[in-house]
Amino acid sequence: KEREFVAALVWSGGSTYYADRVKGRFTISRDTAKNTLYLQMN
């Protein structure tokens, strides 16, 4: 399969985006102090 979008956020904060296939199950977040992006998958 082709590479597909899962989730994204605006690094400065405020907006998140999810693919329909993962909405409600995955959560994207970031820790700006650690310059780290996370994806919690349930």
ModelCIF file with pLDDT and N, C-alpha, C, O atoms, coordinates in Angstrom:
data_MODEL
#
_entry.id   MODEL 
#
_entity.id                         1 
_entity.type                       polymer 
_entity.pdbx_number_of_molecules   1 
#
_entity_poly.entity_id                      1 
_entity_poly.type                           'polypeptide(L)' 
_entity_poly.nstd_linkage                   no 
_entity_poly.nstd_monomer                   no 
_entity_poly.pdbx_seq_one_letter_code       KEREFVAALVWSGGSTYYADRVKGRFTISRDTAKNTLYLQMN 
_entity_poly.pdbx_seq_one_letter_code_can   KEREFVAALVWSGGSTYYADRVKGRFTISRDTAKNTLYLQMN 
_entity_poly.pdbx_strand_id                 A 
#
loop_
_entity_poly_seq.entity_id 
_entity_poly_seq.num 
_entity_poly_seq.mon_id 
_entity_poly_seq.hetero 
1 1  LYS n 
1 2  GLU n 
1 3  ARG n 
1 4  GLU n 
1 5  PHE n 
1 6  VAL n 
1 7  ALA n 
1 8  ALA n 
1 9  LEU n 
1 10 VAL n 
1 11 TRP n 
1 12 SER n 
1 13 GLY n 
1 14 GLY n 
1 15 SER n 
1 16 THR n 
1 17 TYR n 
1 18 TYR n 
1 19 ALA n 
1 20 ASP n 
1 21 ARG n 
1 22 VAL n 
1 23 LYS n 
1 24 GLY n 
1 25 ARG n 
1 26 PHE n 
1 27 THR n 
1 28 ILE n 
1 29 SER n 
1 30 ARG n 
1 31 ASP n 
1 32 THR n 
1 33 ALA n 
1 34 LYS n 
1 35 ASN n 
1 36 THR n 
1 37 LEU n 
1 38 TYR n 
1 39 LEU n 
1 40 GLN n 
1 41 MET n 
1 42 ASN n 
#
_struct_asym.id          A 
_struct_asym.entity_id   1 
#
loop_
_ma_qa_metric.id 
_ma_qa_metric.mode 
_ma_qa_metric.name 
_ma_qa_metric.software_group_id 
_ma_qa_metric.type 
1 global pLDDT . pLDDT 
2 local  pLDDT . pLDDT 
#
_ma_qa_metric_global.metric_id      1 
_ma_qa_metric_global.metric_value   96.86 
_ma_qa_metric_global.model_id       1 
_ma_qa_metric_global.ordinal_id     1 
#
loop_
_ma_qa_metric_local.label_asym_id 
_ma_qa_metric_local.label_comp_id 
_ma_qa_metric_local.label_seq_id 
_ma_qa_metric_local.metric_id 
_ma_qa_metric_local.metric_value 
_ma_qa_metric_local.model_id 
_ma_qa_metric_local.ordinal_id 
A LYS 1  2 96.00 1 1  
A GLU 2  2 96.00 1 2  
A ARG 3  2 96.00 1 3  
A GLU 4  2 97.00 1 4  
A PHE 5  2 98.00 1 5  
A VAL 6  2 98.00 1 6  
A ALA 7  2 98.00 1 7  
A ALA 8  2 98.00 1 8  
A LEU 9  2 98.00 1 9  
A VAL 10 2 97.00 1 10 
A TRP 11 2 96.00 1 11 
A SER 12 2 95.00 1 12 
A GLY 13 2 94.00 1 13 
A GLY 14 2 90.00 1 14 
A SER 15 2 96.00 1 15 
A THR 16 2 97.00 1 16 
A TYR 17 2 97.00 1 17 
A TYR 18 2 98.00 1 18 
A ALA 19 2 98.00 1 19 
A ASP 20 2 97.00 1 20 
A ARG 21 2 97.00 1 21 
A VAL 22 2 98.00 1 22 
A LYS 23 2 97.00 1 23 
A GLY 24 2 97.00 1 24 
A ARG 25 2 98.00 1 25 
A PHE 26 2 98.00 1 26 
A THR 27 2 98.00 1 27 
A ILE 28 2 98.00 1 28 
A SER 29 2 98.00 1 29 
A ARG 30 2 97.00 1 30 
A ASP 31 2 97.00 1 31 
A THR 32 2 94.00 1 32 
A ALA 33 2 94.00 1 33 
A LYS 34 2 96.00 1 34 
A ASN 35 2 96.00 1 35 
A THR 36 2 97.00 1 36 
A LEU 37 2 98.00 1 37 
A TYR 38 2 98.00 1 38 
A LEU 39 2 98.00 1 39 
A GLN 40 2 98.00 1 40 
A MET 41 2 98.00 1 41 
A ASN 42 2 98.00 1 42 
#
loop_
_atom_site.group_PDB 
_atom_site.id 
_atom_site.type_symbol 
_atom_site.label_atom_id 
_atom_site.label_alt_id 
_atom_site.label_comp_id 
_atom_site.label_asym_id 
_atom_site.label_entity_id 
_atom_site.label_seq_id 
_atom_site.pdbx_PDB_ins_code 
_atom_site.Cartn_x 
_atom_site.Cartn_y 
_atom_site.Cartn_z 
_atom_site.occupancy 
_atom_site.B_iso_or_equiv 
_atom_site.pdbx_formal_charge 
_atom_site.auth_seq_id 
_atom_site.auth_comp_id 
_atom_site.auth_asym_id 
_atom_site.auth_atom_id 
_atom_site.pdbx_PDB_model_num 
ATOM 1   N N  . LYS A 1 1  ? 0.825   -1.197 0.000  1.00 96.00 ? 1  LYS A N  1 
ATOM 2   C CA . LYS A 1 1  ? 0.000   0.000  0.000  1.00 96.00 ? 1  LYS A CA 1 
ATOM 3   C C  . LYS A 1 1  ? 0.862   1.251  0.000  1.00 96.00 ? 1  LYS A C  1 
ATOM 4   O O  . LYS A 1 1  ? 2.036   1.216  0.369  1.00 96.00 ? 1  LYS A O  1 
ATOM 5   N N  . GLU A 1 2  ? 0.253   2.368  -0.424 1.00 96.00 ? 2  GLU A N  1 
ATOM 6   C CA . GLU A 1 2  ? 0.940   3.651  -0.394 1.00 96.00 ? 2  GLU A CA 1 
ATOM 7   C C  . GLU A 1 2  ? 0.984   4.194  1.028  1.00 96.00 ? 2  GLU A C  1 
ATOM 8   O O  . GLU A 1 2  ? 0.165   3.832  1.873  1.00 96.00 ? 2  GLU A O  1 
ATOM 9   N N  . ARG A 1 3  ? 1.942   5.057  1.272  1.00 96.00 ? 3  ARG A N  1 
ATOM 10  C CA . ARG A 1 3  ? 2.028   5.712  2.566  1.00 96.00 ? 3  ARG A CA 1 
ATOM 11  C C  . ARG A 1 3  ? 0.800   6.595  2.770  1.00 96.00 ? 3  ARG A C  1 
ATOM 12  O O  . ARG A 1 3  ? 0.421   7.348  1.872  1.00 96.00 ? 3  ARG A O  1 
ATOM 13  N N  . GLU A 1 4  ? 0.174   6.508  3.948  1.00 97.00 ? 4  GLU A N  1 
ATOM 14  C CA . GLU A 1 4  ? -1.050  7.244  4.203  1.00 97.00 ? 4  GLU A CA 1 
ATOM 15  C C  . GLU A 1 4  ? -0.950  8.080  5.473  1.00 97.00 ? 4  GLU A C  1 
ATOM 16  O O  . GLU A 1 4  ? -0.220  7.756  6.410  1.00 97.00 ? 4  GLU A O  1 
ATOM 17  N N  . PHE A 1 5  ? -1.707  9.157  5.463  1.00 98.00 ? 5  PHE A N  1 
ATOM 18  C CA . PHE A 1 5  ? -1.768  10.058 6.603  1.00 98.00 ? 5  PHE A CA 1 
ATOM 19  C C  . PHE A 1 5  ? -2.472  9.397  7.769  1.00 98.00 ? 5  PHE A C  1 
ATOM 20  O O  . PHE A 1 5  ? -3.472  8.704  7.580  1.00 98.00 ? 5  PHE A O  1 
ATOM 21  N N  . VAL A 1 6  ? -1.959  9.603  8.981  1.00 98.00 ? 6  VAL A N  1 
ATOM 22  C CA . VAL A 1 6  ? -2.563  9.076  10.198 1.00 98.00 ? 6  VAL A CA 1 
ATOM 23  C C  . VAL A 1 6  ? -3.075  10.208 11.088 1.00 98.00 ? 6  VAL A C  1 
ATOM 24  O O  . VAL A 1 6  ? -4.260  10.249 11.421 1.00 98.00 ? 6  VAL A O  1 
ATOM 25  N N  . ALA A 1 7  ? -2.197  11.116 11.471 1.00 98.00 ? 7  ALA A N  1 
ATOM 26  C CA . ALA A 1 7  ? -2.562  12.211 12.363 1.00 98.00 ? 7  ALA A CA 1 
ATOM 27  C C  . ALA A 1 7  ? -1.512  13.302 12.282 1.00 98.00 ? 7  ALA A C  1 
ATOM 28  O O  . ALA A 1 7  ? -0.368  13.042 11.910 1.00 98.00 ? 7  ALA A O  1 
ATOM 29  N N  . ALA A 1 8  ? -1.896  14.524 12.630 1.00 98.00 ? 8  ALA A N  1 
ATOM 30  C CA . ALA A 1 8  ? -0.960  15.640 12.654 1.00 98.00 ? 8  ALA A CA 1 
ATOM 31  C C  . ALA A 1 8  ? -1.444  16.698 13.626 1.00 98.00 ? 8  ALA A C  1 
ATOM 32  O O  . ALA A 1 8  ? -2.610  16.712 14.022 1.00 98.00 ? 8  ALA A O  1 
ATOM 33  N N  . LEU A 1 9  ? -0.536  17.580 14.005 1.00 98.00 ? 9  LEU A N  1 
ATOM 34  C CA . LEU A 1 9  ? -0.883  18.717 14.832 1.00 98.00 ? 9  LEU A CA 1 
ATOM 35  C C  . LEU A 1 9  ? -0.076  19.929 14.414 1.00 98.00 ? 9  LEU A C  1 
ATOM 36  O O  . LEU A 1 9  ? 0.965   19.816 13.768 1.00 98.00 ? 9  LEU A O  1 
ATOM 37  N N  . VAL A 1 10 ? -0.584  21.100 14.801 1.00 97.00 ? 10 VAL A N  1 
ATOM 38  C CA . VAL A 1 10 ? 0.175   22.333 14.641 1.00 97.00 ? 10 VAL A CA 1 
ATOM 39  C C  . VAL A 1 10 ? 1.146   22.410 15.808 1.00 97.00 ? 10 VAL A C  1 
ATOM 40  O O  . VAL A 1 10 ? 0.733   22.394 16.967 1.00 97.00 ? 10 VAL A O  1 
ATOM 41  N N  . TRP A 1 11 ? 2.431   22.495 15.504 1.00 96.00 ? 11 TRP A N  1 
ATOM 42  C CA . TRP A 1 11 ? 3.440   22.399 16.547 1.00 96.00 ? 11 TRP A CA 1 
ATOM 43  C C  . TRP A 1 11 ? 3.278   23.469 17.619 1.00 96.00 ? 11 TRP A C  1 
ATOM 44  O O  . TRP A 1 11 ? 3.530   23.207 18.795 1.00 96.00 ? 11 TRP A O  1 
ATOM 45  N N  . SER A 1 12 ? 2.863   24.665 17.229 1.00 95.00 ? 12 SER A N  1 
ATOM 46  C CA . SER A 1 12 ? 2.669   25.738 18.195 1.00 95.00 ? 12 SER A CA 1 
ATOM 47  C C  . SER A 1 12 ? 1.413   25.559 19.033 1.00 95.00 ? 12 SER A C  1 
ATOM 48  O O  . SER A 1 12 ? 1.209   26.284 20.007 1.00 95.00 ? 12 SER A O  1 
ATOM 49  N N  . GLY A 1 13 ? 0.562   24.594 18.662 1.00 94.00 ? 13 GLY A N  1 
ATOM 50  C CA . GLY A 1 13 ? -0.630  24.283 19.434 1.00 94.00 ? 13 GLY A CA 1 
ATOM 51  C C  . GLY A 1 13 ? -1.919  24.721 18.772 1.00 94.00 ? 13 GLY A C  1 
ATOM 52  O O  . GLY A 1 13 ? -1.917  25.565 17.875 1.00 94.00 ? 13 GLY A O  1 
ATOM 53  N N  . GLY A 1 14 ? -3.028  24.138 19.224 1.00 90.00 ? 14 GLY A N  1 
ATOM 54  C CA . GLY A 1 14 ? -4.347  24.600 18.827 1.00 90.00 ? 14 GLY A CA 1 
ATOM 55  C C  . GLY A 1 14 ? -5.141  23.673 17.943 1.00 90.00 ? 14 GLY A C  1 
ATOM 56  O O  . GLY A 1 14 ? -6.358  23.578 18.104 1.00 90.00 ? 14 GLY A O  1 
ATOM 57  N N  . SER A 1 15 ? -4.497  22.978 17.005 1.00 96.00 ? 15 SER A N  1 
ATOM 58  C CA . SER A 1 15 ? -5.236  22.171 16.037 1.00 96.00 ? 15 SER A CA 1 
ATOM 59  C C  . SER A 1 15 ? -4.643  20.779 15.914 1.00 96.00 ? 15 SER A C  1 
ATOM 60  O O  . SER A 1 15 ? -3.424  20.606 15.911 1.00 96.00 ? 15 SER A O  1 
ATOM 61  N N  . THR A 1 16 ? -5.524  19.787 15.811 1.00 97.00 ? 16 THR A N  1 
ATOM 62  C CA . THR A 1 16 ? -5.129  18.408 15.531 1.00 97.00 ? 16 THR A CA 1 
ATOM 63  C C  . THR A 1 16 ? -5.956  17.872 14.381 1.00 97.00 ? 16 THR A C  1 
ATOM 64  O O  . THR A 1 16 ? -7.066  18.341 14.132 1.00 97.00 ? 16 THR A O  1 
ATOM 65  N N  . TYR A 1 17 ? -5.407  16.877 13.672 1.00 97.00 ? 17 TYR A N  1 
ATOM 66  C CA . TYR A 1 17 ? -6.057  16.295 12.502 1.00 97.00 ? 17 TYR A CA 1 
ATOM 67  C C  . TYR A 1 17 ? -5.877  14.787 12.555 1.00 97.00 ? 17 TYR A C  1 
ATOM 68  O O  . TYR A 1 17 ? -4.806  14.300 12.915 1.00 97.00 ? 17 TYR A O  1 
ATOM 69  N N  . TYR A 1 18 ? -6.936  14.035 12.192 1.00 98.00 ? 18 TYR A N  1 
ATOM 70  C CA . TYR A 1 18 ? -6.900  12.586 12.226 1.00 98.00 ? 18 TYR A CA 1 
ATOM 71  C C  . TYR A 1 18 ? -7.515  11.995 10.970 1.00 98.00 ? 18 TYR A C  1 
ATOM 72  O O  . TYR A 1 18 ? -8.494  12.516 10.436 1.00 98.00 ? 18 TYR A O  1 
ATOM 73  N N  . ALA A 1 19 ? -6.932  10.909 10.509 1.00 98.00 ? 19 ALA A N  1 
ATOM 74  C CA . ALA A 1 19 ? -7.566  10.117 9.468  1.00 98.00 ? 19 ALA A CA 1 
ATOM 75  C C  . ALA A 1 19 ? -8.798  9.424  10.037 1.00 98.00 ? 19 ALA A C  1 
ATOM 76  O O  . ALA A 1 19 ? -8.831  9.074  11.217 1.00 98.00 ? 19 ALA A O  1 
ATOM 77  N N  . ASP A 1 20 ? -9.811  9.226  9.195  1.00 97.00 ? 20 ASP A N  1 
ATOM 78  C CA . ASP A 1 20 ? -11.051 8.609  9.665  1.00 97.00 ? 20 ASP A CA 1 
ATOM 79  C C  . ASP A 1 20 ? -10.820 7.229  10.268 1.00 97.00 ? 20 ASP A C  1 
ATOM 80  O O  . ASP A 1 20 ? -11.508 6.852  11.217 1.00 97.00 ? 20 ASP A O  1 
ATOM 81  N N  . ARG A 1 21 ? -9.883  6.482  9.748  1.00 97.00 ? 21 ARG A N  1 
ATOM 82  C CA . ARG A 1 21 ? -9.635  5.121  10.211 1.00 97.00 ? 21 ARG A CA 1 
ATOM 83  C C  . ARG A 1 21 ? -9.123  5.046  11.640 1.00 97.00 ? 21 ARG A C  1 
ATOM 84  O O  . ARG A 1 21 ? -9.236  4.000  12.280 1.00 97.00 ? 21 ARG A O  1 
ATOM 85  N N  . VAL A 1 22 ? -8.561  6.135  12.151 1.00 98.00 ? 22 VAL A N  1 
ATOM 86  C CA . VAL A 1 22 ? -7.979  6.102  13.488 1.00 98.00 ? 22 VAL A CA 1 
ATOM 87  C C  . VAL A 1 22 ? -8.678  7.037  14.465 1.00 98.00 ? 22 VAL A C  1 
ATOM 88  O O  . VAL A 1 22 ? -8.394  6.998  15.663 1.00 98.00 ? 22 VAL A O  1 
ATOM 89  N N  . LYS A 1 23 ? -9.577  7.866  13.981 1.00 97.00 ? 23 LYS A N  1 
ATOM 90  C CA . LYS A 1 23 ? -10.254 8.836  14.836 1.00 97.00 ? 23 LYS A CA 1 
ATOM 91  C C  . LYS A 1 23 ? -11.014 8.119  15.952 1.00 97.00 ? 23 LYS A C  1 
ATOM 92  O O  . LYS A 1 23 ? -11.758 7.170  15.700 1.00 97.00 ? 23 LYS A O  1 
ATOM 93  N N  . GLY A 1 24 ? -10.821 8.579  17.177 1.00 97.00 ? 24 GLY A N  1 
ATOM 94  C CA . GLY A 1 24 ? -11.452 7.968  18.331 1.00 97.00 ? 24 GLY A CA 1 
ATOM 95  C C  . GLY A 1 24 ? -10.616 6.895  18.992 1.00 97.00 ? 24 GLY A C  1 
ATOM 96  O O  . GLY A 1 24 ? -10.897 6.511  20.127 1.00 97.00 ? 24 GLY A O  1 
ATOM 97  N N  . ARG A 1 25 ? -9.589  6.398  18.306 1.00 98.00 ? 25 ARG A N  1 
ATOM 98  C CA . ARG A 1 25 ? -8.703  5.376  18.854 1.00 98.00 ? 25 ARG A CA 1 
ATOM 99  C C  . ARG A 1 25 ? -7.296  5.888  19.104 1.00 98.00 ? 25 ARG A C  1 
ATOM 100 O O  . ARG A 1 25 ? -6.645  5.480  20.067 1.00 98.00 ? 25 ARG A O  1 
ATOM 101 N N  . PHE A 1 26 ? -6.820  6.786  18.237 1.00 98.00 ? 26 PHE A N  1 
ATOM 102 C CA . PHE A 1 26 ? -5.463  7.319  18.350 1.00 98.00 ? 26 PHE A CA 1 
ATOM 103 C C  . PHE A 1 26 ? -5.519  8.757  18.850 1.00 98.00 ? 26 PHE A C  1 
ATOM 104 O O  . PHE A 1 26 ? -6.476  9.482  18.579 1.00 98.00 ? 26 PHE A O  1 
ATOM 105 N N  . THR A 1 27 ? -4.486  9.160  19.581 1.00 98.00 ? 27 THR A N  1 
ATOM 106 C CA . THR A 1 27 ? -4.370  10.528 20.063 1.00 98.00 ? 27 THR A CA 1 
ATOM 107 C C  . THR A 1 27 ? -2.964  11.043 19.794 1.00 98.00 ? 27 THR A C  1 
ATOM 108 O O  . THR A 1 27 ? -1.983  10.415 20.194 1.00 98.00 ? 27 THR A O  1 
ATOM 109 N N  . ILE A 1 28 ? -2.863  12.183 19.118 1.00 98.00 ? 28 ILE A N  1 
ATOM 110 C CA . ILE A 1 28 ? -1.571  12.795 18.856 1.00 98.00 ? 28 ILE A CA 1 
ATOM 111 C C  . ILE A 1 28 ? -1.341  13.918 19.868 1.00 98.00 ? 28 ILE A C  1 
ATOM 112 O O  . ILE A 1 28 ? -2.271  14.650 20.208 1.00 98.00 ? 28 ILE A O  1 
ATOM 113 N N  . SER A 1 29 ? -0.124  14.050 20.340 1.00 98.00 ? 29 SER A N  1 
ATOM 114 C CA . SER A 1 29 ? 0.221   15.093 21.292 1.00 98.00 ? 29 SER A CA 1 
ATOM 115 C C  . SER A 1 29 ? 1.701   15.420 21.170 1.00 98.00 ? 29 SER A C  1 
ATOM 116 O O  . SER A 1 29 ? 2.443   14.733 20.468 1.00 98.00 ? 29 SER A O  1 
ATOM 117 N N  . ARG A 1 30 ? 2.124   16.479 21.863 1.00 97.00 ? 30 ARG A N  1 
ATOM 118 C CA . ARG A 1 30 ? 3.543   16.821 21.828 1.00 97.00 ? 30 ARG A CA 1 
ATOM 119 C C  . ARG A 1 30 ? 3.972   17.422 23.147 1.00 97.00 ? 30 ARG A C  1 
ATOM 120 O O  . ARG A 1 30 ? 3.153   17.951 23.899 1.00 97.00 ? 30 ARG A O  1 
ATOM 121 N N  . ASP A 1 31 ? 5.260   17.336 23.422 1.00 97.00 ? 31 ASP A N  1 
ATOM 122 C CA . ASP A 1 31 ? 5.891   17.958 24.571 1.00 97.00 ? 31 ASP A CA 1 
ATOM 123 C C  . ASP A 1 31 ? 6.940   18.904 24.004 1.00 97.00 ? 31 ASP A C  1 
ATOM 124 O O  . ASP A 1 31 ? 8.022   18.467 23.609 1.00 97.00 ? 31 ASP A O  1 
ATOM 125 N N  . THR A 1 32 ? 6.630   20.189 23.961 1.00 94.00 ? 32 THR A N  1 
ATOM 126 C CA . THR A 1 32 ? 7.540   21.149 23.340 1.00 94.00 ? 32 THR A CA 1 
ATOM 127 C C  . THR A 1 32 ? 8.838   21.303 24.125 1.00 94.00 ? 32 THR A C  1 
ATOM 128 O O  . THR A 1 32 ? 9.876   21.604 23.536 1.00 94.00 ? 32 THR A O  1 
ATOM 129 N N  . ALA A 1 33 ? 8.801   21.102 25.441 1.00 94.00 ? 33 ALA A N  1 
ATOM 130 C CA . ALA A 1 33 ? 10.011  21.198 26.245 1.00 94.00 ? 33 ALA A CA 1 
ATOM 131 C C  . ALA A 1 33 ? 11.010  20.106 25.881 1.00 94.00 ? 33 ALA A C  1 
ATOM 132 O O  . ALA A 1 33 ? 12.219  20.308 25.987 1.00 94.00 ? 33 ALA A O  1 
ATOM 133 N N  . LYS A 1 34 ? 10.506  18.946 25.449 1.00 96.00 ? 34 LYS A N  1 
ATOM 134 C CA . LYS A 1 34 ? 11.354  17.826 25.067 1.00 96.00 ? 34 LYS A CA 1 
ATOM 135 C C  . LYS A 1 34 ? 11.501  17.686 23.557 1.00 96.00 ? 34 LYS A C  1 
ATOM 136 O O  . LYS A 1 34 ? 12.209  16.797 23.085 1.00 96.00 ? 34 LYS A O  1 
ATOM 137 N N  . ASN A 1 35 ? 10.834  18.561 22.787 1.00 96.00 ? 35 ASN A N  1 
ATOM 138 C CA . ASN A 1 35 ? 10.821  18.462 21.319 1.00 96.00 ? 35 ASN A CA 1 
ATOM 139 C C  . ASN A 1 35 ? 10.430  17.049 20.874 1.00 96.00 ? 35 ASN A C  1 
ATOM 140 O O  . ASN A 1 35 ? 11.076  16.451 20.014 1.00 96.00 ? 35 ASN A O  1 
ATOM 141 N N  . THR A 1 36 ? 9.371   16.541 21.475 1.00 97.00 ? 36 THR A N  1 
ATOM 142 C CA . THR A 1 36 ? 8.951   15.172 21.220 1.00 97.00 ? 36 THR A CA 1 
ATOM 143 C C  . THR A 1 36 ? 7.478   15.119 20.824 1.00 97.00 ? 36 THR A C  1 
ATOM 144 O O  . THR A 1 36 ? 6.633   15.766 21.443 1.00 97.00 ? 36 THR A O  1 
ATOM 145 N N  . LEU A 1 37 ? 7.187   14.346 19.794 1.00 98.00 ? 37 LEU A N  1 
ATOM 146 C CA . LEU A 1 37 ? 5.832   14.092 19.317 1.00 98.00 ? 37 LEU A CA 1 
ATOM 147 C C  . LEU A 1 37 ? 5.427   12.685 19.733 1.00 98.00 ? 37 LEU A C  1 
ATOM 148 O O  . LEU A 1 37 ? 6.252   11.772 19.722 1.00 98.00 ? 37 LEU A O  1 
ATOM 149 N N  . TYR A 1 38 ? 4.152   12.503 20.102 1.00 98.00 ? 38 TYR A N  1 
ATOM 150 C CA . TYR A 1 38 ? 3.662   11.211 20.553 1.00 98.00 ? 38 TYR A CA 1 
ATOM 151 C C  . TYR A 1 38 ? 2.445   10.784 19.742 1.00 98.00 ? 38 TYR A C  1 
ATOM 152 O O  . TYR A 1 38 ? 1.713   11.613 19.202 1.00 98.00 ? 38 TYR A O  1 
ATOM 153 N N  . LEU A 1 39 ? 2.249   9.477  19.670 1.00 98.00 ? 39 LEU A N  1 
ATOM 154 C CA . LEU A 1 39 ? 1.023   8.919  19.115 1.00 98.00 ? 39 LEU A CA 1 
ATOM 155 C C  . LEU A 1 39 ? 0.571   7.794  20.033 1.00 98.00 ? 39 LEU A C  1 
ATOM 156 O O  . LEU A 1 39 ? 1.172   6.719  20.046 1.00 98.00 ? 39 LEU A O  1 
ATOM 157 N N  . GLN A 1 40 ? -0.485  8.038  20.800 1.00 98.00 ? 40 GLN A N  1 
ATOM 158 C CA . GLN A 1 40 ? -1.065  7.024  21.658 1.00 98.00 ? 40 GLN A CA 1 
ATOM 159 C C  . GLN A 1 40 ? -2.079  6.240  20.842 1.00 98.00 ? 40 GLN A C  1 
ATOM 160 O O  . GLN A 1 40 ? -3.043  6.812  20.334 1.00 98.00 ? 40 GLN A O  1 
ATOM 161 N N  . MET A 1 41 ? -1.871  4.945  20.714 1.00 98.00 ? 41 MET A N  1 
ATOM 162 C CA . MET A 1 41 ? -2.719  4.083  19.899 1.00 98.00 ? 41 MET A CA 1 
ATOM 163 C C  . MET A 1 41 ? -3.436  3.094  20.805 1.00 98.00 ? 41 MET A C  1 
ATOM 164 O O  . MET A 1 41 ? -2.798  2.265  21.453 1.00 98.00 ? 41 MET A O  1 
ATOM 165 N N  . ASN A 1 42 ? -4.759  3.179  20.850 1.00 98.00 ? 42 ASN A N  1 
ATOM 166 C CA . ASN A 1 42 ? -5.587  2.278  21.641 1.00 98.00 ? 42 ASN A CA 1 
ATOM 167 C C  . ASN A 1 42 ? -6.493  1.459  20.728 1.00 98.00 ? 42 ASN A C  1 
ATOM 168 O O  . ASN A 1 42 ? -7.273  0.636  21.208 1.00 98.00 ? 42 ASN A O  1 
#
